[in-house]
Amino acid sequence: MLKIIHITCVVLSFSLFFLRGIWLMRGSPIMRQRWLRIAPHSIDTVLLTSAILLAWQLGYTPANSPWLAAKIVALLLYIGLGMLAFRFAKTHPMRFAAWMAALLTFAYIVATAITHDPFLTF
């Protein structure tokens, strides 16, 4: 059940991040709606909590699972790029570049989770 919650939150988090990026690039007024400032944090809190519980339940730690350590580092990068895209970047090209880099980082996180390989050697 915990894995289902985690994967559901991954899908919701990505979907909302992707949509928010499109709305940001288009200058949509929907970006000013209150729910859009609350929902991502709520979803990501459940996502992170389920990730920690899953790792604990399965006995994974960053010390004994290099792929998990890589995911954590990539997660920090993803958060930083998201903050740059949605808050700090002042120009449209910089926002777009940060958003695209965040999407690629997200893809790396998911691929690492699936393969348990931080170097993605399929």
C-alpha atoms as a PDB file:
ATOM      1  CA  MET A   1       0.000   0.000   0.000  1.00  0.00           C
ATOM      2  CA  LEU A   2       2.843   2.374   0.833  1.00  0.00           C
ATOM      3  CA  LYS A   3       4.387   1.849  -2.601  1.00  0.00           C
ATOM      4  CA  ILE A   4       1.047   2.646  -4.268  1.00  0.00           C
ATOM      5  CA  ILE A   5       0.773   5.880  -2.277  1.00  0.00           C
ATOM      6  CA  HIS A   6       4.338   6.777  -3.220  1.00  0.00           C
ATOM      7  CA  ILE A   7       3.882   6.096  -6.950  1.00  0.00           C
ATOM      8  CA  THR A   8       0.549   7.948  -6.987  1.00  0.00           C
ATOM      9  CA  CYS A   9       2.227  10.972  -5.433  1.00  0.00           C
ATOM     10  CA  VAL A  10       5.062  10.755  -7.977  1.00  0.00           C
ATOM     11  CA  VAL A  11       2.533  10.899 -10.815  1.00  0.00           C
ATOM     12  CA  LEU A  12       0.563  13.741  -9.191  1.00  0.00           C
ATOM     13  CA  SER A  13       3.700  15.714  -8.356  1.00  0.00           C
ATOM     14  CA  PHE A  14       5.109  15.396 -11.869  1.00  0.00           C
ATOM     15  CA  SER A  15       1.777  16.183 -13.529  1.00  0.00           C
ATOM     16  CA  LEU A  16       1.273  19.300 -11.473  1.00  0.00           C
ATOM     17  CA  PHE A  17       4.894  20.423 -11.941  1.00  0.00           C
ATOM     18  CA  PHE A  18       4.549  19.953 -15.698  1.00  0.00           C
ATOM     19  CA  LEU A  19       1.247  21.856 -15.850  1.00  0.00           C
ATOM     20  CA  ARG A  20       2.555  24.657 -13.657  1.00  0.00           C
ATOM     21  CA  GLY A  21       5.509  25.014 -16.020  1.00  0.00           C
ATOM     22  CA  ILE A  22       3.226  25.296 -19.033  1.00  0.00           C
ATOM     23  CA  TRP A  23       1.014  27.823 -17.241  1.00  0.00           C
ATOM     24  CA  LEU A  24       4.074  29.796 -16.162  1.00  0.00           C
ATOM     25  CA  MET A  25       5.473  29.908 -19.699  1.00  0.00           C
ATOM     26  CA  ARG A  26       2.117  31.105 -21.024  1.00  0.00           C
ATOM     27  CA  GLY A  27       1.687  33.693 -18.263  1.00  0.00           C
ATOM     28  CA  SER A  28      -1.617  32.109 -17.256  1.00  0.00           C
ATOM     29  CA  PRO A  29      -3.600  33.771 -14.458  1.00  0.00           C
ATOM     30  CA  ILE A  30      -4.242  30.307 -12.989  1.00  0.00           C
ATOM     31  CA  MET A  31      -0.756  30.551 -11.477  1.00  0.00           C
ATOM     32  CA  ARG A  32      -2.110  33.108  -8.989  1.00  0.00           C
ATOM     33  CA  GLN A  33      -4.749  30.770  -7.577  1.00  0.00           C
ATOM     34  CA  ARG A  34      -4.315  29.804  -3.932  1.00  0.00           C
ATOM     35  CA  TRP A  35      -4.754  26.054  -4.403  1.00  0.00           C
ATOM     36  CA  LEU A  36      -1.791  26.040  -6.771  1.00  0.00           C
ATOM     37  CA  ARG A  37       0.461  27.314  -3.999  1.00  0.00           C
ATOM     38  CA  ILE A  38      -0.798  24.700  -1.504  1.00  0.00           C
ATOM     39  CA  ALA A  39      -1.352  21.485  -3.488  1.00  0.00           C
ATOM     40  CA  PRO A  40       2.255  20.907  -4.634  1.00  0.00           C
ATOM     41  CA  HIS A  41       3.565  21.194  -1.072  1.00  0.00           C
ATOM     42  CA  SER A  42       0.893  18.841   0.251  1.00  0.00           C
ATOM     43  CA  ILE A  43       1.535  16.240  -2.440  1.00  0.00           C
ATOM     44  CA  ASP A  44       5.303  16.487  -2.057  1.00  0.00           C
ATOM     45  CA  THR A  45       5.044  16.115   1.725  1.00  0.00           C
ATOM     46  CA  VAL A  46       3.135  12.844   1.318  1.00  0.00           C
ATOM     47  CA  LEU A  47       5.601  11.802  -1.406  1.00  0.00           C
ATOM     48  CA  LEU A  48       8.650  12.429   0.769  1.00  0.00           C
ATOM     49  CA  THR A  49       7.057  10.822   3.830  1.00  0.00           C
ATOM     50  CA  SER A  50       6.149   7.700   1.875  1.00  0.00           C
ATOM     51  CA  ALA A  51       9.682   7.567   0.418  1.00  0.00           C
ATOM     52  CA  ILE A  52      11.258   7.708   3.862  1.00  0.00           C
ATOM     53  CA  LEU A  53       8.881   5.065   5.213  1.00  0.00           C
ATOM     54  CA  LEU A  54       9.496   2.793   2.211  1.00  0.00           C
ATOM     55  CA  ALA A  55      13.272   3.101   2.546  1.00  0.00           C
ATOM     56  CA  TRP A  56      13.054   2.378   6.259  1.00  0.00           C
ATOM     57  CA  GLN A  57      10.696  -0.553   5.758  1.00  0.00           C
ATOM     58  CA  LEU A  58      12.920  -2.107   3.070  1.00  0.00           C
ATOM     59  CA  GLY A  59      16.180  -1.388   4.914  1.00  0.00           C
ATOM     60  CA  TYR A  60      17.608   1.008   2.325  1.00  0.00           C
ATOM     61  CA  THR A  61      19.930   3.786   3.438  1.00  0.00           C
ATOM     62  CA  PRO A  62      22.065   6.146   1.369  1.00  0.00           C
ATOM     63  CA  ALA A  63      25.100   4.404   2.876  1.00  0.00           C
ATOM     64  CA  ASN A  64      24.150   0.903   1.681  1.00  0.00           C
ATOM     65  CA  SER A  65      22.315   1.928  -1.502  1.00  0.00           C
ATOM     66  CA  PRO A  66      24.270   4.251  -3.817  1.00  0.00           C
ATOM     67  CA  TRP A  67      21.210   4.640  -6.055  1.00  0.00           C
ATOM     68  CA  LEU A  68      19.284   6.076  -3.080  1.00  0.00           C
ATOM     69  CA  ALA A  69      22.094   8.529  -2.327  1.00  0.00           C
ATOM     70  CA  ALA A  70      22.034   9.583  -5.995  1.00  0.00           C
ATOM     71  CA  LYS A  71      18.265  10.068  -5.851  1.00  0.00           C
ATOM     72  CA  ILE A  72      18.591  12.295  -2.783  1.00  0.00           C
ATOM     73  CA  VAL A  73      21.226  14.466  -4.449  1.00  0.00           C
ATOM     74  CA  ALA A  74      19.109  14.637  -7.607  1.00  0.00           C
ATOM     75  CA  LEU A  75      16.051  15.537  -5.517  1.00  0.00           C
ATOM     76  CA  LEU A  76      17.914  18.499  -4.019  1.00  0.00           C
ATOM     77  CA  LEU A  77      18.920  19.592  -7.523  1.00  0.00           C
ATOM     78  CA  TYR A  78      15.310  19.184  -8.716  1.00  0.00           C
ATOM     79  CA  ILE A  79      14.045  21.347  -5.849  1.00  0.00           C
ATOM     80  CA  GLY A  80      16.654  24.019  -6.584  1.00  0.00           C
ATOM     81  CA  LEU A  81      15.837  24.057 -10.293  1.00  0.00           C
ATOM     82  CA  GLY A  82      12.111  24.228  -9.533  1.00  0.00           C
ATOM     83  CA  MET A  83      12.679  27.194  -7.224  1.00  0.00           C
ATOM     84  CA  LEU A  84      14.735  28.879  -9.929  1.00  0.00           C
ATOM     85  CA  ALA A  85      12.055  28.245 -12.558  1.00  0.00           C
ATOM     86  CA  PHE A  86       9.073  29.346 -10.481  1.00  0.00           C
ATOM     87  CA  ARG A  87      10.507  32.002  -8.180  1.00  0.00           C
ATOM     88  CA  PHE A  88      13.956  33.355  -8.859  1.00  0.00           C
ATOM     89  CA  ALA A  89      14.585  33.411 -12.612  1.00  0.00           C
ATOM     90  CA  LYS A  90      13.778  36.829 -14.003  1.00  0.00           C
ATOM     91  CA  THR A  91      13.757  36.119 -17.722  1.00  0.00           C
ATOM     92  CA  HIS A  92      11.574  33.781 -19.739  1.00  0.00           C
ATOM     93  CA  PRO A  93      14.526  31.874 -21.277  1.00  0.00           C
ATOM     94  CA  MET A  94      16.059  31.331 -17.830  1.00  0.00           C
ATOM     95  CA  ARG A  95      12.734  30.072 -16.436  1.00  0.00           C
ATOM     96  CA  PHE A  96      12.307  27.733 -19.372  1.00  0.00           C
ATOM     97  CA  ALA A  97      15.857  26.376 -19.081  1.00  0.00           C
ATOM     98  CA  ALA A  98      15.463  25.763 -15.339  1.00  0.00           C
ATOM     99  CA  TRP A  99      12.084  24.083 -15.887  1.00  0.00           C
ATOM    100  CA  MET A 100      13.466  21.814 -18.611  1.00  0.00           C
ATOM    101  CA  ALA A 101      16.506  20.934 -16.479  1.00  0.00           C
ATOM    102  CA  ALA A 102      14.152  20.111 -13.598  1.00  0.00           C
ATOM    103  CA  LEU A 103      12.086  17.832 -15.866  1.00  0.00           C
ATOM    104  CA  LEU A 104      15.243  16.001 -16.963  1.00  0.00           C
ATOM    105  CA  THR A 105      16.326  15.683 -13.332  1.00  0.00           C
ATOM    106  CA  PHE A 106      12.929  14.240 -12.468  1.00  0.00           C
ATOM    107  CA  ALA A 107      13.323  11.687 -15.262  1.00  0.00           C
ATOM    108  CA  TYR A 108      16.735  10.729 -13.842  1.00  0.00           C
ATOM    109  CA  ILE A 109      15.215  10.264 -10.369  1.00  0.00           C
ATOM    110  CA  VAL A 110      12.499   7.968 -11.719  1.00  0.00           C
ATOM    111  CA  ALA A 111      14.945   5.976 -13.877  1.00  0.00           C
ATOM    112  CA  THR A 112      17.284   5.556 -10.910  1.00  0.00           C
ATOM    113  CA  ALA A 113      14.380   4.385  -8.751  1.00  0.00           C
ATOM    114  CA  ILE A 114      13.365   1.793 -11.331  1.00  0.00           C
ATOM    115  CA  THR A 115      16.838   0.456 -12.135  1.00  0.00           C
ATOM    116  CA  HIS A 116      18.511   0.967  -8.727  1.00  0.00           C
ATOM    117  CA  ASP A 117      21.487   2.144 -10.765  1.00  0.00           C
ATOM    118  CA  PRO A 118      22.794   5.671 -10.168  1.00  0.00           C
ATOM    119  CA  PHE A 119      24.758   5.541 -13.425  1.00  0.00           C
ATOM    120  CA  LEU A 120      21.814   4.268 -15.484  1.00  0.00           C
ATOM    121  CA  THR A 121      23.702   1.485 -17.219  1.00  0.00           C
ATOM    122  CA  PHE A 122      20.729  -0.497 -18.448  1.00  0.00           C
END
